[in-house]
Amino acid sequence: LPIMMRQRSGSIINMASVVGVHGNAGQSNYAASKAGLIALAKSIAQEVGSRGIRANAIAPGFIETAMTAALPDNVRAEWVQKIPLRRGGKPEDIADVATFLASDMSSYVTGQVIQVDGGMNM
């Protein structure tokens, strides 16, 4: 942040989760930590926006990774049924949003949470 303040520009991207937005039974500690990252991005956006610094959060949903591949097939199928796009996301889906937020294409976007979740409603 001190370097960004000196150069009067920058983009901070916090990686949160849809669980930080909606909560999830049995994951209160995880949800609280991800909600904290969301609140941090929103607060930083207000505090240093006047210095040209933007802060946002990405909230991924069910993303196809090695971790989710280890889940039982029935659990994975249950998740996919809750997603309107009927598939899990790819790591590239998250990377594309991060690239957008890091670029000048998002120069008027700050204090936002972008859910990359295929339309999933928890």
C-alpha atoms as a PDB file:
ATOM      1  CA  LEU A   1       0.000   0.000   0.000  1.00  0.00           C
ATOM      2  CA  PRO A   2       2.781   2.556   0.722  1.00  0.00           C
ATOM      3  CA  ILE A   3       4.204   2.056  -2.783  1.00  0.00           C
ATOM      4  CA  MET A   4       0.760   2.402  -4.351  1.00  0.00           C
ATOM      5  CA  MET A   5       0.135   5.543  -2.319  1.00  0.00           C
ATOM      6  CA  ARG A   6       3.405   7.074  -3.560  1.00  0.00           C
ATOM      7  CA  GLN A   7       2.623   6.259  -7.183  1.00  0.00           C
ATOM      8  CA  ARG A   8      -1.034   7.298  -6.693  1.00  0.00           C
ATOM      9  CA  SER A   9      -2.351   4.188  -8.398  1.00  0.00           C
ATOM     10  CA  GLY A  10      -2.825   0.478  -7.868  1.00  0.00           C
ATOM     11  CA  SER A  11      -5.263  -2.389  -7.728  1.00  0.00           C
ATOM     12  CA  ILE A  12      -5.705  -4.652  -4.719  1.00  0.00           C
ATOM     13  CA  ILE A  13      -7.514  -7.936  -5.360  1.00  0.00           C
ATOM     14  CA  ASN A  14      -8.598 -10.058  -2.387  1.00  0.00           C
ATOM     15  CA  MET A  15      -9.507 -13.693  -2.994  1.00  0.00           C
ATOM     16  CA  ALA A  16     -12.650 -14.431  -0.999  1.00  0.00           C
ATOM     17  CA  SER A  17     -15.373 -17.039  -1.615  1.00  0.00           C
ATOM     18  CA  VAL A  18     -19.105 -17.241  -2.179  1.00  0.00           C
ATOM     19  CA  VAL A  19     -19.161 -18.753   1.310  1.00  0.00           C
ATOM     20  CA  GLY A  20     -17.964 -15.363   2.591  1.00  0.00           C
ATOM     21  CA  VAL A  21     -20.979 -13.755   0.899  1.00  0.00           C
ATOM     22  CA  HIS A  22     -23.694 -16.309   1.719  1.00  0.00           C
ATOM     23  CA  GLY A  23     -22.311 -18.391   4.601  1.00  0.00           C
ATOM     24  CA  ASN A  24     -22.455 -22.186   4.709  1.00  0.00           C
ATOM     25  CA  ALA A  25     -23.490 -24.593   7.440  1.00  0.00           C
ATOM     26  CA  GLY A  26     -20.490 -26.180   9.112  1.00  0.00           C
ATOM     27  CA  GLN A  27     -18.072 -23.602   7.743  1.00  0.00           C
ATOM     28  CA  SER A  28     -18.542 -20.625  10.046  1.00  0.00           C
ATOM     29  CA  ASN A  29     -14.805 -20.113  10.604  1.00  0.00           C
ATOM     30  CA  TYR A  30     -14.067 -20.244   6.855  1.00  0.00           C
ATOM     31  CA  ALA A  31     -17.048 -18.001   6.066  1.00  0.00           C
ATOM     32  CA  ALA A  32     -15.931 -15.451   8.648  1.00  0.00           C
ATOM     33  CA  SER A  33     -12.400 -15.296   7.267  1.00  0.00           C
ATOM     34  CA  LYS A  34     -13.621 -14.823   3.690  1.00  0.00           C
ATOM     35  CA  ALA A  35     -16.201 -12.228   4.781  1.00  0.00           C
ATOM     36  CA  GLY A  36     -13.334 -10.409   6.497  1.00  0.00           C
ATOM     37  CA  LEU A  37     -11.455 -10.227   3.187  1.00  0.00           C
ATOM     38  CA  ILE A  38     -14.550  -8.766   1.544  1.00  0.00           C
ATOM     39  CA  ALA A  39     -14.935  -6.126   4.268  1.00  0.00           C
ATOM     40  CA  LEU A  40     -11.215  -5.359   4.039  1.00  0.00           C
ATOM     41  CA  ALA A  41     -11.480  -4.693   0.292  1.00  0.00           C
ATOM     42  CA  LYS A  42     -14.539  -2.470   0.766  1.00  0.00           C
ATOM     43  CA  SER A  43     -12.881  -0.501   3.584  1.00  0.00           C
ATOM     44  CA  ILE A  44      -9.580  -0.054   1.752  1.00  0.00           C
ATOM     45  CA  ALA A  45     -11.498   1.112  -1.326  1.00  0.00           C
ATOM     46  CA  GLN A  46     -13.049   3.897   0.761  1.00  0.00           C
ATOM     47  CA  GLU A  47      -9.846   4.779   2.587  1.00  0.00           C
ATOM     48  CA  VAL A  48      -7.471   5.109  -0.366  1.00  0.00           C
ATOM     49  CA  GLY A  49      -9.696   5.606  -3.401  1.00  0.00           C
ATOM     50  CA  SER A  50      -8.880   9.300  -3.405  1.00  0.00           C
ATOM     51  CA  ARG A  51      -5.260   8.315  -4.014  1.00  0.00           C
ATOM     52  CA  GLY A  52      -6.132   6.371  -7.160  1.00  0.00           C
ATOM     53  CA  ILE A  53      -6.005   2.951  -5.508  1.00  0.00           C
ATOM     54  CA  ARG A  54      -8.759   0.440  -6.153  1.00  0.00           C
ATOM     55  CA  ALA A  55      -9.614  -2.574  -3.986  1.00  0.00           C
ATOM     56  CA  ASN A  56     -11.982  -5.395  -4.892  1.00  0.00           C
ATOM     57  CA  ALA A  57     -12.655  -9.017  -3.990  1.00  0.00           C
ATOM     58  CA  ILE A  58     -13.251 -12.077  -6.126  1.00  0.00           C
ATOM     59  CA  ALA A  59     -15.641 -14.653  -4.648  1.00  0.00           C
ATOM     60  CA  PRO A  60     -15.241 -17.961  -6.495  1.00  0.00           C
ATOM     61  CA  GLY A  61     -17.878 -20.638  -6.292  1.00  0.00           C
ATOM     62  CA  PHE A  62     -17.319 -24.312  -7.139  1.00  0.00           C
ATOM     63  CA  ILE A  63     -14.093 -24.405  -9.181  1.00  0.00           C
ATOM     64  CA  GLU A  64     -12.743 -27.586 -10.762  1.00  0.00           C
ATOM     65  CA  THR A  65      -9.380 -28.085  -9.046  1.00  0.00           C
ATOM     66  CA  ALA A  66      -7.414 -30.982  -7.581  1.00  0.00           C
ATOM     67  CA  MET A  67      -9.159 -30.291  -4.264  1.00  0.00           C
ATOM     68  CA  THR A  68     -12.688 -30.514  -5.690  1.00  0.00           C
ATOM     69  CA  ALA A  69     -11.728 -33.512  -7.847  1.00  0.00           C
ATOM     70  CA  ALA A  70     -11.069 -35.419  -4.611  1.00  0.00           C
ATOM     71  CA  LEU A  71     -14.714 -35.004  -3.536  1.00  0.00           C
ATOM     72  CA  PRO A  72     -17.021 -38.000  -3.964  1.00  0.00           C
ATOM     73  CA  ASP A  73     -18.900 -38.061  -7.287  1.00  0.00           C
ATOM     74  CA  ASN A  74     -22.286 -37.675  -5.591  1.00  0.00           C
ATOM     75  CA  VAL A  75     -21.134 -34.501  -3.791  1.00  0.00           C
ATOM     76  CA  ARG A  76     -19.778 -33.033  -7.023  1.00  0.00           C
ATOM     77  CA  ALA A  77     -23.028 -33.878  -8.851  1.00  0.00           C
ATOM     78  CA  GLU A  78     -25.041 -32.220  -6.078  1.00  0.00           C
ATOM     79  CA  TRP A  79     -22.981 -29.024  -6.422  1.00  0.00           C
ATOM     80  CA  VAL A  80     -23.373 -28.941 -10.206  1.00  0.00           C
ATOM     81  CA  GLN A  81     -27.169 -29.216  -9.859  1.00  0.00           C
ATOM     82  CA  LYS A  82     -27.136 -26.000  -7.777  1.00  0.00           C
ATOM     83  CA  ILE A  83     -25.265 -24.102 -10.507  1.00  0.00           C
ATOM     84  CA  PRO A  84     -27.435 -22.629 -13.291  1.00  0.00           C
ATOM     85  CA  LEU A  85     -24.581 -23.048 -15.817  1.00  0.00           C
ATOM     86  CA  ARG A  86     -24.535 -26.770 -14.834  1.00  0.00           C
ATOM     87  CA  ARG A  87     -20.755 -27.019 -14.499  1.00  0.00           C
ATOM     88  CA  GLY A  88     -17.975 -26.097 -12.175  1.00  0.00           C
ATOM     89  CA  GLY A  89     -15.762 -23.184 -13.029  1.00  0.00           C
ATOM     90  CA  LYS A  90     -12.226 -23.412 -14.331  1.00  0.00           C
ATOM     91  CA  PRO A  91      -9.225 -21.744 -12.714  1.00  0.00           C
ATOM     92  CA  GLU A  92      -9.018 -19.648 -15.888  1.00  0.00           C
ATOM     93  CA  ASP A  93     -12.449 -18.186 -15.079  1.00  0.00           C
ATOM     94  CA  ILE A  94     -11.001 -16.740 -11.888  1.00  0.00           C
ATOM     95  CA  ALA A  95      -7.793 -15.636 -13.619  1.00  0.00           C
ATOM     96  CA  ASP A  96      -9.795 -13.751 -16.259  1.00  0.00           C
ATOM     97  CA  VAL A  97     -11.626 -11.724 -13.609  1.00  0.00           C
ATOM     98  CA  ALA A  98      -8.353 -11.046 -11.782  1.00  0.00           C
ATOM     99  CA  THR A  99      -6.787  -9.851 -15.048  1.00  0.00           C
ATOM    100  CA  PHE A 100      -9.750  -7.516 -15.592  1.00  0.00           C
ATOM    101  CA  LEU A 101      -9.492  -6.093 -12.063  1.00  0.00           C
ATOM    102  CA  ALA A 102      -5.727  -5.622 -12.375  1.00  0.00           C
ATOM    103  CA  SER A 103      -6.060  -3.823 -15.709  1.00  0.00           C
ATOM    104  CA  ASP A 104      -7.116  -0.323 -16.671  1.00  0.00           C
ATOM    105  CA  MET A 105     -10.338  -1.811 -18.084  1.00  0.00           C
ATOM    106  CA  SER A 106     -11.638  -1.743 -14.496  1.00  0.00           C
ATOM    107  CA  SER A 107     -10.399   1.769 -13.709  1.00  0.00           C
ATOM    108  CA  TYR A 108     -13.826   2.761 -12.305  1.00  0.00           C
ATOM    109  CA  VAL A 109     -14.437  -0.437 -10.329  1.00  0.00           C
ATOM    110  CA  THR A 110     -13.636  -0.389  -6.625  1.00  0.00           C
ATOM    111  CA  GLY A 111     -15.148  -1.728  -3.418  1.00  0.00           C
ATOM    112  CA  GLN A 112     -16.870  -4.560  -5.273  1.00  0.00           C
ATOM    113  CA  VAL A 113     -17.237  -8.292  -4.774  1.00  0.00           C
ATOM    114  CA  ILE A 114     -17.361 -10.167  -8.053  1.00  0.00           C
ATOM    115  CA  GLN A 115     -18.880 -13.612  -7.672  1.00  0.00           C
ATOM    116  CA  VAL A 116     -17.497 -16.084 -10.208  1.00  0.00           C
ATOM    117  CA  ASP A 117     -19.888 -18.907  -9.493  1.00  0.00           C
ATOM    118  CA  GLY A 118     -21.928 -19.797 -12.585  1.00  0.00           C
ATOM    119  CA  GLY A 119     -24.979 -18.166 -10.981  1.00  0.00           C
ATOM    120  CA  MET A 120     -24.941 -20.475  -7.966  1.00  0.00           C
ATOM    121  CA  ASN A 121     -27.255 -19.571  -5.114  1.00  0.00           C
ATOM    122  CA  MET A 122     -26.159 -21.205  -1.892  1.00  0.00           C
END
